[in-house]
């Protein structure tokens, strides 16, 4: 009886998560269909795959950020992605993601895998909190690459763990730092993102690591007293 009850609860939770995810409408528009990059997008990636990846990435981001209810998330009913004939790689703004057809055309490796990694990064920008614009840009970009890393889409050219000049350098460098922090405290990035819903302070790091710092202090104190 107990096992059946647990199974029912799990099914209900799964259905709730699915319904919540389906409440978001996704659209994809190829504005560069007549360009080489737009044609490569249609041929090697496609609209249907992109729609599926947008839906899957949203669910992954919500899990990574531990946003299990609508109250924890941004109220965003629609996310639109556009393939544009532009420079750069991609950017996200106001519920829209714009991806460069020129980048798609010029990418030398598996473009579908790279596109998916870029998509996870930009979808994170759609859903993450940014401290009402007060958080450092390097941290915001680092969180987006952290999600890409945890999803298994880290690019081959990324720095190795421990490399980089400073923790808030952004992108892959900061992603590696956040992954280290997340290893020290499980759910660190999720908790940091939650704190940034209303603002930003560098003290957030101290607040999140205080239990570990406190325990470390007591361990040292006990050793000093005993030995």
N, C-alpha and C. Protein backbone atom coordinates (compact mmCIF):
# COMPACT_ATOMS: atom_id res chain seq x y z
N UNK A 1 0.84 -1.20 0.00
CA UNK A 1 0.00 0.00 0.00
C UNK A 1 0.87 1.25 0.00
N UNK A 2 1.93 1.25 0.84
CA UNK A 2 2.80 2.42 0.93
C UNK A 2 3.52 2.68 -0.39
N UNK A 3 4.03 1.61 -1.02
CA UNK A 3 4.72 1.76 -2.29
C UNK A 3 3.79 2.30 -3.37
N UNK A 4 2.56 1.84 -3.39
CA UNK A 4 1.59 2.32 -4.37
C UNK A 4 1.29 3.79 -4.16
N UNK A 5 1.19 4.20 -2.89
CA UNK A 5 0.91 5.60 -2.59
C UNK A 5 2.06 6.50 -3.05
N UNK A 6 3.30 6.05 -2.81
CA UNK A 6 4.47 6.81 -3.24
C UNK A 6 4.51 6.92 -4.76
N UNK A 7 4.17 5.82 -5.44
CA UNK A 7 4.15 5.82 -6.91
C UNK A 7 3.13 6.81 -7.43
N UNK A 8 1.95 6.86 -6.80
CA UNK A 8 0.92 7.81 -7.22
C UNK A 8 1.40 9.24 -7.04
N UNK A 9 2.04 9.52 -5.91
CA UNK A 9 2.55 10.86 -5.65
C UNK A 9 3.60 11.26 -6.68
N UNK A 10 4.47 10.33 -7.03
CA UNK A 10 5.50 10.60 -8.04
C UNK A 10 4.89 10.90 -9.39
N UNK A 11 3.86 10.15 -9.75
CA UNK A 11 3.17 10.36 -11.03
C UNK A 11 2.50 11.73 -11.06
N UNK A 12 1.86 12.09 -9.94
CA UNK A 12 1.20 13.39 -9.86
C UNK A 12 2.21 14.52 -9.98
N UNK A 13 3.36 14.36 -9.33
CA UNK A 13 4.40 15.38 -9.40
C UNK A 13 4.93 15.52 -10.82
N UNK A 14 5.10 14.38 -11.50
CA UNK A 14 5.58 14.39 -12.88
C UNK A 14 4.57 15.07 -13.79
N UNK A 15 3.30 14.75 -13.63
CA UNK A 15 2.26 15.37 -14.45
C UNK A 15 2.20 16.87 -14.21
N UNK A 16 2.38 17.28 -12.96
CA UNK A 16 2.36 18.70 -12.63
C UNK A 16 3.51 19.42 -13.31
N UNK A 17 4.69 18.79 -13.31
CA UNK A 17 5.85 19.40 -13.95
C UNK A 17 5.66 19.50 -15.45
N UNK A 18 5.08 18.45 -16.04
CA UNK A 18 4.84 18.46 -17.49
C UNK A 18 3.85 19.54 -17.86
N UNK A 19 2.75 19.63 -17.10
CA UNK A 19 1.75 20.66 -17.40
C UNK A 19 2.36 22.06 -17.28
N UNK A 20 3.19 22.25 -16.23
CA UNK A 20 3.81 23.55 -16.03
C UNK A 20 4.71 23.92 -17.19
N UNK A 21 5.43 22.93 -17.73
CA UNK A 21 6.32 23.19 -18.83
C UNK A 21 5.55 23.45 -20.12
N UNK A 22 4.47 22.72 -20.31
CA UNK A 22 3.66 22.90 -21.51
C UNK A 22 2.94 24.24 -21.51
N UNK A 23 2.84 24.90 -20.36
CA UNK A 23 2.17 26.19 -20.29
C UNK A 23 2.97 27.26 -21.04
N UNK A 24 4.26 27.00 -21.27
CA UNK A 24 5.09 27.94 -22.01
C UNK A 24 4.96 27.64 -23.50
N UNK A 25 4.71 28.66 -24.29
CA UNK A 25 4.61 28.51 -25.74
C UNK A 25 5.97 28.83 -26.36
N UNK A 26 6.42 27.96 -27.27
CA UNK A 26 7.70 28.16 -27.94
C UNK A 26 7.47 28.36 -29.44
N UNK A 27 8.19 29.30 -30.01
CA UNK A 27 8.12 29.53 -31.45
C UNK A 27 9.54 29.65 -32.01
N UNK A 28 9.71 29.23 -33.24
CA UNK A 28 10.99 29.33 -33.94
C UNK A 28 10.75 29.93 -35.31
N UNK A 29 11.51 30.97 -35.65
CA UNK A 29 11.38 31.64 -36.94
C UNK A 29 12.75 31.76 -37.59
N UNK A 30 12.87 31.26 -38.79
CA UNK A 30 14.13 31.34 -39.53
C UNK A 30 14.06 32.56 -40.46
N UNK A 31 14.59 33.68 -39.96
CA UNK A 31 14.59 34.91 -40.75
C UNK A 31 15.70 34.94 -41.79
N UNK A 32 16.57 33.94 -41.76
CA UNK A 32 17.72 33.92 -42.66
C UNK A 32 17.68 32.69 -43.57
N UNK A 33 16.48 32.26 -43.92
CA UNK A 33 16.32 31.00 -44.67
C UNK A 33 17.04 31.01 -46.02
N UNK A 34 17.21 32.18 -46.61
CA UNK A 34 17.84 32.26 -47.93
C UNK A 34 19.35 32.41 -47.85
N UNK A 35 19.91 32.47 -46.64
CA UNK A 35 21.36 32.59 -46.47
C UNK A 35 21.97 31.21 -46.25
N UNK A 36 23.29 31.06 -46.44
CA UNK A 36 23.91 29.75 -46.20
C UNK A 36 23.69 29.24 -44.78
N UNK A 37 23.78 30.15 -43.79
CA UNK A 37 23.58 29.73 -42.41
C UNK A 37 22.16 29.32 -42.12
N UNK A 38 21.21 30.07 -42.67
CA UNK A 38 19.81 29.72 -42.49
C UNK A 38 19.48 28.39 -43.13
N UNK A 39 20.08 28.14 -44.30
CA UNK A 39 19.86 26.87 -44.99
C UNK A 39 20.49 25.72 -44.21
N UNK A 40 21.66 25.95 -43.62
CA UNK A 40 22.30 24.90 -42.82
C UNK A 40 21.48 24.61 -41.57
N UNK A 41 20.92 25.66 -40.96
CA UNK A 41 20.05 25.45 -39.80
C UNK A 41 18.88 24.54 -40.18
N UNK A 42 18.23 24.83 -41.31
CA UNK A 42 17.08 24.04 -41.74
C UNK A 42 17.47 22.61 -42.06
N UNK A 43 18.66 22.45 -42.59
CA UNK A 43 19.10 21.13 -43.05
C UNK A 43 19.63 20.25 -41.91
N UNK A 44 20.42 20.84 -40.99
CA UNK A 44 21.12 20.04 -39.99
C UNK A 44 20.54 20.17 -38.58
N UNK A 45 19.69 21.15 -38.34
CA UNK A 45 19.12 21.33 -37.00
C UNK A 45 17.59 21.25 -37.08
N UNK A 46 16.97 22.22 -37.71
CA UNK A 46 15.54 22.16 -37.95
C UNK A 46 14.69 22.79 -36.86
N UNK A 47 13.50 23.20 -37.26
CA UNK A 47 12.56 23.86 -36.36
C UNK A 47 12.05 22.89 -35.30
N UNK A 48 11.67 21.68 -35.69
CA UNK A 48 11.09 20.74 -34.74
C UNK A 48 12.08 20.36 -33.65
N UNK A 49 13.33 20.14 -34.04
CA UNK A 49 14.34 19.82 -33.02
C UNK A 49 14.52 21.00 -32.08
N UNK A 50 14.54 22.20 -32.61
CA UNK A 50 14.74 23.39 -31.79
C UNK A 50 13.60 23.57 -30.80
N UNK A 51 12.37 23.36 -31.24
CA UNK A 51 11.22 23.46 -30.34
C UNK A 51 11.34 22.44 -29.20
N UNK A 52 11.73 21.23 -29.55
CA UNK A 52 11.90 20.18 -28.54
C UNK A 52 13.02 20.56 -27.57
N UNK A 53 14.13 21.09 -28.08
CA UNK A 53 15.26 21.47 -27.24
C UNK A 53 14.90 22.64 -26.33
N UNK A 54 14.08 23.55 -26.81
CA UNK A 54 13.64 24.67 -25.96
C UNK A 54 12.81 24.16 -24.79
N UNK A 55 11.93 23.22 -25.07
CA UNK A 55 11.10 22.64 -24.02
C UNK A 55 11.95 21.84 -23.03
N UNK A 56 12.85 21.02 -23.56
CA UNK A 56 13.70 20.19 -22.70
C UNK A 56 14.64 21.04 -21.85
N UNK A 57 15.21 22.07 -22.45
CA UNK A 57 16.14 22.92 -21.71
C UNK A 57 15.43 23.69 -20.61
N UNK A 58 14.20 24.12 -20.85
CA UNK A 58 13.44 24.81 -19.81
C UNK A 58 13.25 23.91 -18.60
N UNK A 59 12.85 22.67 -18.83
CA UNK A 59 12.66 21.72 -17.74
C UNK A 59 13.97 21.49 -16.99
N UNK A 60 15.07 21.39 -17.72
CA UNK A 60 16.38 21.17 -17.10
C UNK A 60 16.79 22.37 -16.26
N UNK A 61 16.57 23.57 -16.78
CA UNK A 61 16.93 24.79 -16.06
C UNK A 61 16.11 24.91 -14.78
N UNK A 62 14.82 24.63 -14.85
CA UNK A 62 13.98 24.69 -13.65
C UNK A 62 14.46 23.70 -12.60
N UNK A 63 14.87 22.50 -13.03
CA UNK A 63 15.39 21.52 -12.07
C UNK A 63 16.72 21.99 -11.48
N UNK A 64 17.60 22.51 -12.32
CA UNK A 64 18.90 22.98 -11.86
C UNK A 64 18.75 24.11 -10.85
N UNK A 65 17.80 25.00 -11.10
CA UNK A 65 17.54 26.12 -10.20
C UNK A 65 16.60 25.75 -9.06
N UNK A 66 16.19 24.50 -9.02
CA UNK A 66 15.27 24.00 -7.98
C UNK A 66 14.00 24.85 -7.93
N UNK A 67 13.49 25.17 -9.10
CA UNK A 67 12.25 25.94 -9.21
C UNK A 67 11.11 24.97 -9.51
N UNK A 68 10.56 24.39 -8.45
CA UNK A 68 9.59 23.32 -8.60
C UNK A 68 8.15 23.81 -8.68
N UNK A 69 7.92 25.10 -8.51
CA UNK A 69 6.56 25.63 -8.62
C UNK A 69 6.60 26.91 -9.43
N UNK A 70 5.44 27.29 -9.96
CA UNK A 70 5.34 28.49 -10.78
C UNK A 70 5.73 29.74 -10.00
N UNK A 71 5.51 29.73 -8.70
CA UNK A 71 5.83 30.89 -7.87
C UNK A 71 7.33 31.15 -7.81
N UNK A 72 8.14 30.11 -8.07
CA UNK A 72 9.60 30.26 -8.03
C UNK A 72 10.17 30.82 -9.32
N UNK A 73 9.38 30.82 -10.38
CA UNK A 73 9.90 31.11 -11.72
C UNK A 73 9.40 32.46 -12.24
N UNK A 74 10.02 32.88 -13.31
CA UNK A 74 9.52 34.05 -14.02
C UNK A 74 8.17 33.70 -14.67
N UNK A 75 7.28 34.66 -14.68
CA UNK A 75 5.99 34.47 -15.34
C UNK A 75 6.14 34.84 -16.80
N UNK A 76 6.53 33.85 -17.59
CA UNK A 76 6.83 34.09 -19.00
C UNK A 76 6.08 33.07 -19.85
N UNK A 77 4.97 33.45 -20.45
CA UNK A 77 4.14 32.48 -21.17
C UNK A 77 4.67 32.08 -22.54
N UNK A 78 5.62 32.86 -23.09
CA UNK A 78 6.07 32.58 -24.45
C UNK A 78 7.56 32.89 -24.59
N UNK A 79 8.27 31.98 -25.28
CA UNK A 79 9.68 32.20 -25.62
C UNK A 79 9.83 31.98 -27.12
N UNK A 80 10.41 32.96 -27.80
CA UNK A 80 10.56 32.89 -29.26
C UNK A 80 12.04 32.89 -29.64
N UNK A 81 12.38 32.04 -30.57
CA UNK A 81 13.75 31.97 -31.07
C UNK A 81 13.77 32.36 -32.55
N UNK A 82 14.76 33.18 -32.90
CA UNK A 82 14.89 33.66 -34.28
C UNK A 82 16.30 33.35 -34.79
N UNK A 83 16.37 32.84 -36.01
CA UNK A 83 17.63 32.69 -36.71
C UNK A 83 17.79 33.93 -37.58
N UNK A 84 18.79 34.75 -37.26
CA UNK A 84 18.96 36.03 -37.94
C UNK A 84 20.30 36.10 -38.66
N UNK A 85 20.34 36.85 -39.73
CA UNK A 85 21.58 37.07 -40.47
C UNK A 85 22.34 38.20 -39.79
N UNK A 86 23.12 37.84 -38.76
CA UNK A 86 23.80 38.85 -37.94
C UNK A 86 25.17 38.34 -37.53
N UNK A 87 25.98 39.24 -36.98
CA UNK A 87 27.29 38.85 -36.45
C UNK A 87 27.13 38.28 -35.05
N UNK A 88 28.25 37.80 -34.47
CA UNK A 88 28.21 37.25 -33.13
C UNK A 88 27.72 35.82 -33.10
N UNK A 89 27.25 35.40 -31.93
CA UNK A 89 26.76 34.03 -31.76
C UNK A 89 25.26 34.03 -31.46
N UNK A 90 24.87 34.64 -30.34
CA UNK A 90 23.46 34.67 -29.96
C UNK A 90 23.29 35.64 -28.80
N UNK A 91 22.05 36.06 -28.58
CA UNK A 91 21.72 36.86 -27.40
C UNK A 91 20.26 36.64 -27.06
N UNK A 92 19.93 36.92 -25.79
CA UNK A 92 18.55 36.77 -25.32
C UNK A 92 18.08 38.09 -24.73
N UNK A 93 16.83 38.45 -25.02
CA UNK A 93 16.26 39.68 -24.48
C UNK A 93 14.73 39.61 -24.53
N UNK A 94 14.10 39.95 -23.42
CA UNK A 94 12.64 40.07 -23.37
C UNK A 94 11.90 38.86 -23.93
N UNK A 95 12.30 37.67 -23.50
CA UNK A 95 11.62 36.46 -23.93
C UNK A 95 11.96 36.03 -25.35
N UNK A 96 13.00 36.62 -25.92
CA UNK A 96 13.41 36.27 -27.29
C UNK A 96 14.87 35.84 -27.30
N UNK A 97 15.17 34.85 -28.13
CA UNK A 97 16.54 34.41 -28.37
C UNK A 97 16.85 34.62 -29.85
N UNK A 98 17.95 35.28 -30.13
CA UNK A 98 18.38 35.52 -31.51
C UNK A 98 19.71 34.81 -31.74
N UNK A 99 19.73 33.93 -32.73
CA UNK A 99 20.92 33.14 -33.03
C UNK A 99 21.46 33.55 -34.40
N UNK A 100 22.77 33.67 -34.49
CA UNK A 100 23.40 34.12 -35.73
C UNK A 100 23.47 33.01 -36.77
N UNK A 101 22.88 33.25 -37.91
CA UNK A 101 22.96 32.30 -39.03
C UNK A 101 24.39 32.22 -39.54
N UNK A 102 25.12 33.33 -39.44
CA UNK A 102 26.51 33.34 -39.88
C UNK A 102 27.36 32.42 -38.99
N UNK A 103 27.07 32.42 -37.70
CA UNK A 103 27.79 31.53 -36.80
C UNK A 103 27.46 30.07 -37.11
N UNK A 104 26.19 29.80 -37.34
CA UNK A 104 25.77 28.44 -37.69
C UNK A 104 26.49 27.98 -38.95
N UNK A 105 26.58 28.85 -39.94
CA UNK A 105 27.21 28.49 -41.20
C UNK A 105 28.71 28.26 -41.04
N UNK A 106 29.36 29.05 -40.19
CA UNK A 106 30.80 28.99 -40.08
C UNK A 106 31.33 27.98 -39.08
N UNK A 107 30.45 27.35 -38.30
CA UNK A 107 30.92 26.43 -37.28
C UNK A 107 31.46 25.16 -37.94
N UNK A 108 32.68 24.78 -37.54
CA UNK A 108 33.35 23.68 -38.21
C UNK A 108 33.07 22.29 -37.68
N UNK A 109 32.51 22.19 -36.47
CA UNK A 109 32.26 20.88 -35.88
C UNK A 109 30.82 20.43 -36.04
N UNK A 110 30.34 19.67 -35.06
CA UNK A 110 28.95 19.21 -35.05
C UNK A 110 28.06 20.39 -34.69
N UNK A 111 27.46 20.99 -35.69
CA UNK A 111 26.71 22.23 -35.48
C UNK A 111 25.46 22.01 -34.64
N UNK A 112 24.88 20.84 -34.70
CA UNK A 112 23.66 20.57 -33.92
C UNK A 112 23.98 20.53 -32.44
N UNK A 113 25.09 19.90 -32.07
CA UNK A 113 25.50 19.85 -30.68
C UNK A 113 25.87 21.24 -30.17
N UNK A 114 26.64 21.98 -30.97
CA UNK A 114 27.02 23.34 -30.58
C UNK A 114 25.79 24.24 -30.45
N UNK A 115 24.86 24.13 -31.38
CA UNK A 115 23.63 24.92 -31.32
C UNK A 115 22.86 24.61 -30.04
N UNK A 116 22.82 23.34 -29.67
CA UNK A 116 22.10 22.95 -28.45
C UNK A 116 22.76 23.57 -27.22
N UNK A 117 24.09 23.57 -27.19
CA UNK A 117 24.80 24.19 -26.08
C UNK A 117 24.52 25.68 -25.98
N UNK A 118 24.55 26.35 -27.11
CA UNK A 118 24.22 27.78 -27.16
C UNK A 118 22.78 28.00 -26.69
N UNK A 119 21.89 27.12 -27.11
CA UNK A 119 20.49 27.24 -26.73
C UNK A 119 20.31 27.12 -25.21
N UNK A 120 20.98 26.16 -24.60
CA UNK A 120 20.88 26.02 -23.14
C UNK A 120 21.40 27.28 -22.44
N UNK A 121 22.47 27.85 -22.96
CA UNK A 121 23.02 29.09 -22.40
C UNK A 121 22.00 30.22 -22.48
N UNK A 122 21.44 30.42 -23.66
CA UNK A 122 20.52 31.53 -23.85
C UNK A 122 19.18 31.29 -23.14
N UNK A 123 18.73 30.06 -23.08
CA UNK A 123 17.49 29.77 -22.34
C UNK A 123 17.68 30.03 -20.85
N UNK A 124 18.92 29.82 -20.36
CA UNK A 124 19.19 30.15 -18.96
C UNK A 124 19.02 31.64 -18.73
N UNK A 125 19.50 32.46 -19.67
CA UNK A 125 19.29 33.91 -19.56
C UNK A 125 17.80 34.25 -19.51
N UNK A 126 17.01 33.50 -20.24
CA UNK A 126 15.57 33.76 -20.24
C UNK A 126 14.99 33.55 -18.85
N UNK A 127 15.42 32.49 -18.14
CA UNK A 127 14.78 32.08 -16.90
C UNK A 127 15.50 32.52 -15.63
N UNK A 128 16.78 32.86 -15.70
CA UNK A 128 17.52 33.15 -14.47
C UNK A 128 17.14 34.52 -13.91
N UNK A 129 17.41 34.69 -12.59
CA UNK A 129 17.28 36.00 -11.96
C UNK A 129 18.63 36.70 -12.06
N UNK A 130 18.60 38.02 -12.22
CA UNK A 130 19.85 38.77 -12.42
C UNK A 130 20.06 39.87 -11.38
N UNK A 131 19.40 39.73 -10.22
CA UNK A 131 19.59 40.74 -9.18
C UNK A 131 19.04 42.09 -9.56
N UNK A 132 17.96 42.07 -10.37
CA UNK A 132 17.39 43.34 -10.87
C UNK A 132 18.44 44.19 -11.58
N UNK A 133 19.31 43.52 -12.32
CA UNK A 133 20.34 44.21 -13.08
C UNK A 133 21.57 44.61 -12.29
N UNK A 134 21.62 44.23 -11.01
CA UNK A 134 22.74 44.62 -10.15
C UNK A 134 23.87 43.59 -10.13
N UNK A 135 23.58 42.36 -10.52
CA UNK A 135 24.59 41.30 -10.47
C UNK A 135 25.67 41.52 -11.53
N UNK A 136 26.92 41.16 -11.24
CA UNK A 136 28.00 41.31 -12.22
C UNK A 136 27.69 40.54 -13.50
N UNK A 137 28.00 41.15 -14.63
CA UNK A 137 27.75 40.49 -15.91
C UNK A 137 28.48 39.17 -16.04
N UNK A 138 29.70 39.11 -15.49
CA UNK A 138 30.47 37.87 -15.56
C UNK A 138 29.80 36.74 -14.82
N UNK A 139 29.14 37.07 -13.70
CA UNK A 139 28.43 36.04 -12.93
C UNK A 139 27.21 35.54 -13.70
N UNK A 140 26.47 36.46 -14.30
CA UNK A 140 25.28 36.09 -15.07
C UNK A 140 25.66 35.17 -16.23
N UNK A 141 26.71 35.54 -16.96
CA UNK A 141 27.16 34.70 -18.08
C UNK A 141 27.71 33.37 -17.57
N UNK A 142 28.37 33.42 -16.41
CA UNK A 142 28.93 32.19 -15.84
C UNK A 142 27.85 31.21 -15.43
N UNK A 143 26.75 31.71 -14.87
CA UNK A 143 25.64 30.83 -14.50
C UNK A 143 25.04 30.18 -15.74
N UNK A 144 24.93 30.95 -16.82
CA UNK A 144 24.38 30.39 -18.07
C UNK A 144 25.29 29.28 -18.60
N UNK A 145 26.60 29.49 -18.53
CA UNK A 145 27.51 28.44 -18.98
C UNK A 145 27.57 27.28 -17.98
N UNK A 146 27.32 27.56 -16.69
CA UNK A 146 27.25 26.48 -15.71
C UNK A 146 26.12 25.53 -16.07
N UNK A 147 24.96 26.07 -16.43
CA UNK A 147 23.83 25.22 -16.83
C UNK A 147 24.20 24.43 -18.08
N UNK A 148 24.84 25.09 -19.03
CA UNK A 148 25.28 24.38 -20.25
C UNK A 148 26.24 23.26 -19.89
N UNK A 149 27.14 23.51 -18.95
CA UNK A 149 28.10 22.50 -18.49
C UNK A 149 27.38 21.31 -17.87
N UNK A 150 26.44 21.57 -16.96
CA UNK A 150 25.73 20.50 -16.27
C UNK A 150 24.83 19.72 -17.22
N UNK A 151 24.42 20.35 -18.31
CA UNK A 151 23.59 19.66 -19.29
C UNK A 151 24.42 18.77 -20.22
N UNK A 152 25.74 18.89 -20.13
CA UNK A 152 26.62 18.05 -20.95
C UNK A 152 26.98 18.65 -22.29
N UNK A 153 26.90 19.97 -22.41
CA UNK A 153 27.18 20.62 -23.69
C UNK A 153 28.33 21.61 -23.61
N UNK A 154 29.29 21.37 -22.71
CA UNK A 154 30.47 22.23 -22.63
C UNK A 154 31.25 22.13 -23.94
N UNK A 155 31.71 23.26 -24.44
CA UNK A 155 32.45 23.28 -25.70
C UNK A 155 33.88 22.79 -25.48
N UNK A 156 34.48 22.24 -26.52
CA UNK A 156 35.82 21.66 -26.40
C UNK A 156 36.88 22.71 -26.11
N UNK A 157 36.63 23.97 -26.48
CA UNK A 157 37.62 25.02 -26.30
C UNK A 157 37.57 25.67 -24.92
N UNK A 158 36.65 25.25 -24.06
CA UNK A 158 36.52 25.84 -22.72
C UNK A 158 37.79 25.61 -21.90
N UNK A 159 38.03 26.51 -20.95
CA UNK A 159 39.17 26.35 -20.05
C UNK A 159 38.95 25.13 -19.16
N UNK A 160 40.05 24.62 -18.64
CA UNK A 160 39.96 23.50 -17.72
C UNK A 160 39.68 24.03 -16.31
N UNK A 161 39.18 23.18 -15.41
CA UNK A 161 38.93 23.62 -14.04
C UNK A 161 40.18 24.23 -13.40
N UNK A 162 40.00 25.40 -12.78
CA UNK A 162 41.11 26.09 -12.12
C UNK A 162 41.81 27.11 -13.00
N UNK A 163 41.53 27.12 -14.28
CA UNK A 163 42.14 28.09 -15.19
C UNK A 163 41.34 29.39 -15.19
N UNK A 164 41.95 30.43 -15.71
CA UNK A 164 41.29 31.74 -15.77
C UNK A 164 41.99 32.73 -14.86
N UNK A 165 41.67 34.01 -15.02
CA UNK A 165 42.33 35.07 -14.27
C UNK A 165 41.61 35.42 -12.97
N UNK A 166 40.29 35.37 -12.97
CA UNK A 166 39.53 35.71 -11.76
C UNK A 166 38.17 35.01 -11.84
N UNK A 167 37.52 34.82 -10.70
CA UNK A 167 36.31 34.02 -10.63
C UNK A 167 35.17 34.61 -11.45
N UNK A 168 35.10 35.96 -11.52
CA UNK A 168 33.99 36.60 -12.23
C UNK A 168 34.36 37.01 -13.65
N UNK A 169 35.31 36.28 -14.23
CA UNK A 169 35.73 36.57 -15.60
C UNK A 169 34.61 36.31 -16.60
N UNK A 170 33.69 35.45 -16.22
CA UNK A 170 32.53 35.18 -17.06
C UNK A 170 32.63 33.88 -17.84
N UNK A 171 31.50 33.50 -18.43
CA UNK A 171 31.40 32.35 -19.32
C UNK A 171 32.04 31.10 -18.72
N UNK A 172 32.93 30.42 -19.47
CA UNK A 172 33.43 29.12 -19.03
C UNK A 172 34.26 29.22 -17.76
N UNK A 173 35.02 30.32 -17.58
CA UNK A 173 35.85 30.46 -16.38
C UNK A 173 34.97 30.49 -15.13
N UNK A 174 33.95 31.34 -15.16
CA UNK A 174 33.05 31.45 -14.01
C UNK A 174 32.21 30.19 -13.86
N UNK A 175 31.87 29.55 -14.97
CA UNK A 175 31.12 28.29 -14.90
C UNK A 175 31.91 27.23 -14.14
N UNK A 176 33.22 27.15 -14.39
CA UNK A 176 34.06 26.19 -13.68
C UNK A 176 34.13 26.54 -12.19
N UNK A 177 34.22 27.83 -11.88
CA UNK A 177 34.23 28.25 -10.48
C UNK A 177 32.93 27.89 -9.77
N UNK A 178 31.81 28.15 -10.44
CA UNK A 178 30.51 27.83 -9.85
C UNK A 178 30.33 26.32 -9.69
N UNK A 179 30.88 25.55 -10.62
CA UNK A 179 30.81 24.10 -10.50
C UNK A 179 31.59 23.63 -9.28
N UNK A 180 32.73 24.28 -9.02
CA UNK A 180 33.51 23.98 -7.81
C UNK A 180 32.71 24.32 -6.55
N UNK A 181 32.08 25.51 -6.56
CA UNK A 181 31.25 25.91 -5.41
C UNK A 181 30.09 24.95 -5.21
N UNK A 182 29.51 24.52 -6.32
CA UNK A 182 28.38 23.60 -6.23
C UNK A 182 28.81 22.24 -5.67
N UNK A 183 30.08 21.90 -5.90
CA UNK A 183 30.60 20.67 -5.33
C UNK A 183 30.82 20.77 -3.83
N UNK A 184 31.13 21.98 -3.38
CA UNK A 184 31.31 22.20 -1.94
C UNK A 184 29.98 22.22 -1.22
N UNK A 185 28.98 22.79 -1.87
CA UNK A 185 27.63 22.81 -1.30
C UNK A 185 26.64 22.47 -2.40
N UNK A 186 26.02 21.33 -2.31
CA UNK A 186 25.05 20.90 -3.31
C UNK A 186 23.90 21.91 -3.40
N UNK A 187 23.58 22.34 -4.62
CA UNK A 187 22.51 23.31 -4.81
C UNK A 187 22.94 24.74 -4.63
N UNK A 188 24.26 24.97 -4.58
CA UNK A 188 24.78 26.33 -4.37
C UNK A 188 24.27 27.30 -5.43
N UNK A 189 24.36 26.91 -6.70
CA UNK A 189 23.96 27.81 -7.78
C UNK A 189 22.46 28.08 -7.73
N UNK A 190 21.68 27.07 -7.41
CA UNK A 190 20.23 27.26 -7.29
C UNK A 190 19.91 28.26 -6.19
N UNK A 191 20.58 28.14 -5.05
CA UNK A 191 20.34 29.06 -3.94
C UNK A 191 20.82 30.47 -4.28
N UNK A 192 21.94 30.56 -4.98
CA UNK A 192 22.45 31.87 -5.39
C UNK A 192 21.47 32.54 -6.35
N UNK A 193 20.93 31.76 -7.28
CA UNK A 193 19.96 32.31 -8.22
C UNK A 193 18.71 32.80 -7.48
N UNK A 194 18.25 32.05 -6.49
CA UNK A 194 17.08 32.46 -5.71
C UNK A 194 17.34 33.77 -4.98
N UNK A 195 18.54 33.92 -4.43
CA UNK A 195 18.87 35.15 -3.72
C UNK A 195 18.87 36.35 -4.67
N UNK A 196 19.21 36.13 -5.93
CA UNK A 196 19.31 37.23 -6.88
C UNK A 196 17.97 37.63 -7.48
N UNK A 197 16.90 37.08 -6.96
CA UNK A 197 15.57 37.45 -7.46
C UNK A 197 15.27 38.92 -7.18
N UNK A 198 15.71 39.43 -6.04
CA UNK A 198 15.37 40.80 -5.68
C UNK A 198 16.53 41.77 -5.69
N UNK A 199 17.76 41.30 -5.82
CA UNK A 199 18.92 42.17 -5.80
C UNK A 199 20.19 41.36 -5.80
N UNK A 200 21.30 42.02 -5.50
CA UNK A 200 22.58 41.31 -5.48
C UNK A 200 23.48 41.89 -4.41
N UNK A 201 24.23 41.00 -3.76
CA UNK A 201 25.26 41.38 -2.81
C UNK A 201 26.35 40.32 -2.82
N UNK A 202 27.59 40.75 -2.74
CA UNK A 202 28.69 39.79 -2.67
C UNK A 202 28.62 38.96 -1.39
N UNK A 203 27.86 39.44 -0.40
CA UNK A 203 27.69 38.69 0.85
C UNK A 203 26.90 37.41 0.65
N UNK A 204 26.21 37.29 -0.49
CA UNK A 204 25.46 36.06 -0.75
C UNK A 204 26.37 34.84 -0.68
N UNK A 205 27.61 34.99 -1.16
CA UNK A 205 28.54 33.87 -1.14
C UNK A 205 28.88 33.49 0.30
N UNK A 206 29.08 34.48 1.15
CA UNK A 206 29.38 34.22 2.55
C UNK A 206 28.19 33.55 3.24
N UNK A 207 26.98 34.08 2.96
CA UNK A 207 25.77 33.53 3.57
C UNK A 207 25.56 32.07 3.18
N UNK A 208 25.84 31.75 1.92
CA UNK A 208 25.61 30.38 1.45
C UNK A 208 26.66 29.41 1.98
N UNK A 209 27.86 29.92 2.21
CA UNK A 209 28.91 29.04 2.70
C UNK A 209 29.11 29.13 4.21
N UNK A 210 28.31 29.92 4.91
CA UNK A 210 28.49 30.10 6.35
C UNK A 210 28.46 28.77 7.12
N UNK A 211 27.51 27.85 6.83
CA UNK A 211 27.53 26.58 7.58
C UNK A 211 28.83 25.82 7.44
N UNK A 212 29.39 25.80 6.20
CA UNK A 212 30.65 25.10 5.98
C UNK A 212 31.80 25.81 6.71
N UNK A 213 31.80 27.15 6.66
CA UNK A 213 32.84 27.92 7.33
C UNK A 213 32.75 27.74 8.84
N UNK A 214 31.52 27.74 9.35
CA UNK A 214 31.30 27.55 10.78
C UNK A 214 31.78 26.18 11.22
N UNK A 215 31.41 25.14 10.45
CA UNK A 215 31.83 23.78 10.80
C UNK A 215 33.34 23.63 10.75
N UNK A 216 33.95 24.26 9.74
CA UNK A 216 35.41 24.18 9.61
C UNK A 216 36.08 24.85 10.82
N UNK A 217 35.51 25.97 11.25
CA UNK A 217 36.05 26.68 12.41
C UNK A 217 35.98 25.81 13.66
N UNK A 218 34.81 25.18 13.87
CA UNK A 218 34.65 24.34 15.05
C UNK A 218 35.57 23.13 15.01
N UNK A 219 35.79 22.59 13.80
CA UNK A 219 36.70 21.44 13.68
C UNK A 219 38.12 21.84 14.10
N UNK A 220 38.55 23.01 13.63
CA UNK A 220 39.88 23.49 14.00
C UNK A 220 39.96 23.74 15.49
N UNK A 221 38.87 24.35 16.06
CA UNK A 221 38.84 24.65 17.49
C UNK A 221 38.93 23.37 18.33
N UNK A 222 38.18 22.35 17.94
CA UNK A 222 38.18 21.08 18.66
C UNK A 222 39.56 20.44 18.63
N UNK A 223 40.20 20.49 17.45
CA UNK A 223 41.55 19.90 17.33
C UNK A 223 42.53 20.63 18.25
N UNK A 224 42.39 21.97 18.30
CA UNK A 224 43.28 22.74 19.16
C UNK A 224 43.06 22.39 20.64
N UNK A 225 41.77 22.19 21.02
CA UNK A 225 41.45 21.88 22.42
C UNK A 225 41.91 20.47 22.80
N UNK A 226 41.78 19.55 21.83
CA UNK A 226 42.09 18.16 22.15
C UNK A 226 43.58 17.85 22.06
N UNK A 227 44.24 18.55 21.17
CA UNK A 227 45.65 18.20 20.93
C UNK A 227 46.58 19.35 21.29
